[in-house]
Amino acid sequence: MTEAQADKPILELKDVKTFYGSIEALKGISIEVHAGEIVTLIGANGAGKSTTLRSINGLNHPREGSIHFQGRDITDESPHNVVKMGISQSPEGRRLFPRMSVIENLEMGAFQRSDRSGISEALDRVFTLFPRLAERKNQKAGTLSGGEQQMCAIGRALMAQPKLLMLDEPSMGLAPIFVEKIFEIIREINAQGTPILLVEQNALMALHTANRGYVMETGHIVLADDAKALSENEQVKKTYLGVD
């Protein structure tokens, strides 16, 4: 890989405008994720964070602007093609199949794969990252605790062997001890080589975990910097970190 290629973002959104009917949810945003990074999007509810993920994963195509993944234009790709290309998401609210077992939920994440040995390796990786899921592999997903369900949702996304993992509000509704654990695992997944785009209400944890961050307000990117600089920014401290 040349230096120029190494410096090229794995994911690039340029001037993306996404609408819900006549309502402009994203008003021309540009973001980048490079290989090996954790990049976080922080902002209040309704700022456009989840819409950004929906624009990337093909659920809500932008009306203007472009989205490139590994140099390829994916702006108008279907959701299943986006997964096939290597972008996998753990959605807000987890969205597990409650009556199916943990292992069946995880296998759903590999539904586009046909390499049996690779699927088996991915399952081993998930159970190594989340030993609790291995203990509960035959348990119905709907009977797991909130933290365990979140582990299962992230595990399911990893079963697709993503080249980019998107996480939407992984700490939502979890007890503090589980929040710590989930973020520890996010760092571990990244250390194993998977770049991560993280949408998170818990700005303190997100900035502590990420390399870089973007602050969103009403469909705009209002700040972009490395995570440490953002965590020390007076406006960010006041608005998102609860520091006066």
Protein backbone atom coordinates (compact mmCIF):
# COMPACT_ATOMS: atom_id res chain seq x y z
CA MET A 1 0.00 0.00 0.00
CA THR A 2 1.38 3.40 -0.98
CA GLU A 3 1.46 6.31 1.45
CA ALA A 4 -1.25 8.06 -0.59
CA GLN A 5 -3.51 4.98 -0.39
CA ALA A 6 -2.87 4.61 3.34
CA ASP A 7 -3.94 8.21 3.84
CA LYS A 8 -7.13 7.78 1.80
CA PRO A 9 -10.23 7.45 3.99
CA ILE A 10 -11.92 4.05 4.09
CA LEU A 11 -15.25 5.92 4.32
CA GLU A 12 -15.94 9.41 2.99
CA LEU A 13 -19.17 11.41 3.03
CA LYS A 14 -19.11 14.61 0.97
CA ASP A 15 -21.80 17.31 1.26
CA VAL A 16 -24.48 14.71 2.04
CA LYS A 17 -28.07 15.97 2.17
CA THR A 18 -30.67 13.45 3.31
CA PHE A 19 -34.40 14.07 3.61
CA TYR A 20 -37.43 12.51 5.28
CA GLY A 21 -40.11 13.60 2.83
CA SER A 22 -39.67 17.38 2.59
CA ILE A 23 -37.71 17.64 5.87
CA GLU A 24 -33.96 18.06 5.38
CA ALA A 25 -32.37 15.93 8.13
CA LEU A 26 -28.76 16.21 6.91
CA LYS A 27 -27.81 19.60 5.50
CA GLY A 28 -24.60 18.91 3.60
CA ILE A 29 -22.37 16.96 5.99
CA SER A 30 -18.84 15.75 5.25
CA ILE A 31 -17.10 13.14 7.42
CA GLU A 32 -14.22 10.68 7.01
CA VAL A 33 -13.12 7.45 8.69
CA HIS A 34 -9.59 6.19 8.07
CA ALA A 35 -8.23 2.65 8.48
CA GLY A 36 -7.61 1.73 12.12
CA GLU A 37 -9.64 4.63 13.57
CA ILE A 38 -12.53 4.94 15.97
CA VAL A 39 -14.49 8.02 14.89
CA THR A 40 -17.41 9.23 16.95
CA LEU A 41 -20.45 11.36 16.12
CA ILE A 42 -21.86 13.18 19.12
CA GLY A 43 -24.83 15.51 19.41
CA ALA A 44 -28.27 15.89 20.97
CA ASN A 45 -31.28 13.77 20.01
CA GLY A 46 -32.50 14.80 16.57
CA ALA A 47 -29.11 16.17 15.49
CA GLY A 48 -28.91 13.71 12.58
CA LYS A 49 -26.53 11.07 13.94
CA SER A 50 -28.70 8.02 13.20
CA THR A 51 -29.73 9.52 9.84
CA THR A 52 -26.03 9.66 8.97
CA LEU A 53 -25.75 5.91 9.61
CA ARG A 54 -28.97 5.26 7.63
CA SER A 55 -27.51 7.24 4.72
CA ILE A 56 -24.37 5.10 4.79
CA ASN A 57 -26.07 1.72 5.17
CA GLY A 58 -28.50 2.30 2.30
CA LEU A 59 -31.72 2.59 4.32
CA ASN A 60 -32.15 6.29 3.48
CA HIS A 61 -30.36 7.39 0.33
CA PRO A 62 -29.04 10.96 0.21
CA ARG A 63 -30.70 13.32 -2.25
CA GLU A 64 -27.43 15.19 -2.77
CA GLY A 65 -23.74 14.56 -2.10
CA SER A 66 -21.78 11.32 -2.24
CA ILE A 67 -20.68 8.43 -0.03
CA HIS A 68 -17.55 6.44 -0.91
CA PHE A 69 -16.38 3.26 0.81
CA GLN A 70 -12.91 1.92 -0.01
CA GLY A 71 -12.86 4.25 -3.02
CA ARG A 72 -16.18 2.97 -4.39
CA ASP A 73 -19.34 5.09 -4.70
CA ILE A 74 -22.03 3.50 -2.50
CA THR A 75 -24.41 6.49 -2.40
CA ASP A 76 -27.28 4.57 -4.04
CA GLU A 77 -26.41 1.00 -3.06
CA SER A 78 -29.02 -1.28 -1.46
CA PRO A 79 -28.59 -2.20 2.23
CA HIS A 80 -27.71 -5.85 1.47
CA ASN A 81 -25.01 -4.75 -1.00
CA VAL A 82 -23.58 -2.35 1.58
CA VAL A 83 -23.28 -5.27 4.04
CA LYS A 84 -21.75 -7.44 1.32
CA MET A 85 -19.13 -4.75 0.65
CA GLY A 86 -18.10 -4.81 4.30
CA ILE A 87 -20.13 -2.27 6.32
CA SER A 88 -21.96 -3.81 9.26
CA GLN A 89 -24.08 -2.10 11.90
CA SER A 90 -25.25 -2.77 15.42
CA PRO A 91 -28.50 -0.75 15.47
CA GLU A 92 -29.95 1.53 18.12
CA GLY A 93 -32.24 -0.50 20.37
CA ARG A 94 -30.34 -3.70 19.47
CA ARG A 95 -33.17 -5.21 17.33
CA LEU A 96 -32.51 -8.84 18.20
CA PHE A 97 -34.90 -11.67 17.33
CA PRO A 98 -36.21 -12.24 20.89
CA ARG A 99 -37.60 -15.76 20.39
CA MET A 100 -34.46 -17.03 18.71
CA SER A 101 -31.45 -18.26 20.67
CA VAL A 102 -28.24 -16.27 21.05
CA ILE A 103 -26.44 -18.52 18.56
CA GLU A 104 -29.28 -18.22 16.02
CA ASN A 105 -29.17 -14.41 16.33
CA LEU A 106 -25.41 -14.46 15.77
CA GLU A 107 -25.76 -16.74 12.74
CA MET A 108 -28.21 -14.22 11.23
CA GLY A 109 -25.28 -11.80 11.04
CA ALA A 110 -23.51 -14.20 8.67
CA PHE A 111 -26.51 -14.79 6.38
CA GLN A 112 -24.66 -13.49 3.30
CA ARG A 113 -21.63 -15.69 3.92
CA SER A 114 -21.19 -19.21 2.60
CA ASP A 115 -17.68 -19.96 3.92
CA ARG A 116 -18.49 -22.44 6.69
CA SER A 117 -15.02 -22.42 8.26
CA GLY A 118 -14.93 -18.61 8.20
CA ILE A 119 -18.34 -18.44 9.93
CA SER A 120 -17.11 -20.88 12.57
CA GLU A 121 -13.99 -18.72 13.13
CA ALA A 122 -16.16 -15.58 13.40
CA LEU A 123 -18.32 -17.32 16.01
CA ASP A 124 -15.22 -18.29 18.00
CA ARG A 125 -14.04 -14.66 17.85
CA VAL A 126 -17.42 -13.40 19.14
CA PHE A 127 -17.40 -15.92 22.01
CA THR A 128 -13.81 -14.92 22.88
CA LEU A 129 -14.80 -11.23 22.96
CA PHE A 130 -18.06 -11.99 24.81
CA PRO A 131 -17.60 -15.10 27.02
CA ARG A 132 -21.02 -14.40 28.54
CA LEU A 133 -22.65 -15.09 25.16
CA ALA A 134 -20.89 -18.45 24.97
CA GLU A 135 -22.41 -19.34 28.36
CA ARG A 136 -25.86 -18.31 27.13
CA LYS A 137 -25.64 -19.45 23.51
CA ASN A 138 -28.82 -21.58 23.67
CA GLN A 139 -30.82 -19.04 25.67
CA LYS A 140 -33.55 -17.00 23.95
CA ALA A 141 -32.22 -13.51 23.16
CA GLY A 142 -35.34 -11.87 24.62
CA THR A 143 -34.49 -13.26 28.08
CA LEU A 144 -31.00 -11.69 28.20
CA SER A 145 -30.22 -8.58 30.25
CA GLY A 146 -29.84 -5.26 28.40
CA GLY A 147 -26.05 -5.48 28.50
CA GLU A 148 -26.06 -9.05 27.21
CA GLN A 149 -28.44 -8.08 24.40
CA GLN A 150 -26.05 -5.28 23.41
CA MET A 151 -23.18 -7.79 23.34
CA CYS A 152 -25.30 -10.04 21.13
CA ALA A 153 -26.14 -7.16 18.75
CA ILE A 154 -22.45 -6.20 18.39
CA GLY A 155 -21.53 -9.88 18.01
CA ARG A 156 -24.12 -10.30 15.25
CA ALA A 157 -22.64 -7.31 13.37
CA LEU A 158 -19.15 -8.85 13.70
CA MET A 159 -20.34 -12.13 12.18
CA ALA A 160 -20.40 -10.41 8.77
CA GLN A 161 -16.63 -9.85 9.13
CA PRO A 162 -16.98 -6.11 8.53
CA LYS A 163 -14.28 -3.84 7.12
CA LEU A 164 -16.13 -1.02 8.93
CA LEU A 165 -18.29 -1.47 12.03
CA MET A 166 -21.00 1.11 12.78
CA LEU A 167 -22.37 1.26 16.32
CA ASP A 168 -25.56 3.21 17.05
CA GLU A 169 -25.95 4.14 20.74
CA PRO A 170 -24.26 1.02 22.20
CA SER A 171 -24.49 2.27 25.80
CA MET A 172 -28.17 3.30 25.71
CA GLY A 173 -30.12 2.07 28.74
CA LEU A 174 -27.23 0.09 30.22
CA ALA A 175 -26.04 -0.01 33.82
CA PRO A 176 -22.68 1.82 34.31
CA ILE A 177 -20.78 -1.46 34.80
CA PHE A 178 -22.00 -2.69 31.41
CA VAL A 179 -21.18 0.65 29.75
CA GLU A 180 -17.55 0.25 30.86
CA LYS A 181 -17.48 -3.33 29.58
CA ILE A 182 -19.02 -2.48 26.20
CA PHE A 183 -16.52 0.34 25.59
CA GLU A 184 -13.65 -1.91 26.63
CA ILE A 185 -14.78 -4.41 23.98
CA ILE A 186 -15.20 -1.64 21.37
CA ARG A 187 -11.54 -0.73 21.94
CA GLU A 188 -10.56 -4.39 21.66
CA ILE A 189 -12.45 -4.85 18.35
CA ASN A 190 -10.66 -1.79 17.00
CA ALA A 191 -7.28 -3.03 18.25
CA GLN A 192 -7.92 -6.23 16.26
CA GLY A 193 -8.02 -4.08 13.11
CA THR A 194 -11.65 -3.05 12.55
CA PRO A 195 -12.32 0.69 12.03
CA ILE A 196 -15.41 1.90 13.89
CA LEU A 197 -17.92 4.70 13.37
CA LEU A 198 -19.56 5.28 16.75
CA VAL A 199 -22.79 7.20 17.39
CA GLU A 200 -23.15 7.76 21.11
CA GLN A 201 -25.16 9.90 23.56
CA ASN A 202 -22.54 9.35 26.27
CA ALA A 203 -20.15 11.97 24.88
CA LEU A 204 -17.64 11.53 27.70
CA MET A 205 -17.18 7.80 27.03
CA ALA A 206 -17.26 8.31 23.26
CA LEU A 207 -14.53 10.96 23.27
CA HIS A 208 -12.48 8.94 25.73
CA THR A 209 -12.63 5.95 23.35
CA ALA A 210 -12.38 7.57 19.89
CA ASN A 211 -9.41 8.93 17.92
CA ARG A 212 -11.44 11.70 16.28
CA GLY A 213 -14.90 13.13 16.62
CA TYR A 214 -17.56 15.22 14.92
CA VAL A 215 -20.17 17.28 16.76
CA MET A 216 -23.57 17.44 15.04
CA GLU A 217 -26.31 20.00 15.54
CA THR A 218 -29.56 19.99 13.53
CA GLY A 219 -28.12 18.28 10.48
CA HIS A 220 -24.82 20.16 10.40
CA ILE A 221 -21.29 19.27 11.50
CA VAL A 222 -20.39 22.17 13.78
CA LEU A 223 -17.06 20.90 15.11
CA ALA A 224 -14.50 18.33 13.95
CA ASP A 225 -11.24 17.58 15.76
CA ASP A 226 -9.28 14.85 17.45
CA ALA A 227 -11.20 13.39 20.38
CA LYS A 228 -8.90 14.76 23.08
CA ALA A 229 -9.16 18.31 21.72
CA LEU A 230 -12.96 18.04 21.55
CA SER A 231 -13.14 16.79 25.14
CA GLU A 232 -11.21 19.92 26.19
CA ASN A 233 -13.29 22.32 24.05
CA GLU A 234 -15.24 24.73 26.29
CA GLN A 235 -18.43 24.55 24.21
CA VAL A 236 -18.36 20.73 24.10
CA LYS A 237 -17.66 20.54 27.85
CA LYS A 238 -20.59 22.81 28.60
CA THR A 239 -23.11 21.33 26.16
CA TYR A 240 -22.28 17.62 26.09
CA LEU A 241 -20.06 16.77 29.06
CA GLY A 242 -22.03 18.55 31.75
CA VAL A 243 -19.05 20.68 32.82
CA ASP A 244 -19.71 24.33 33.69
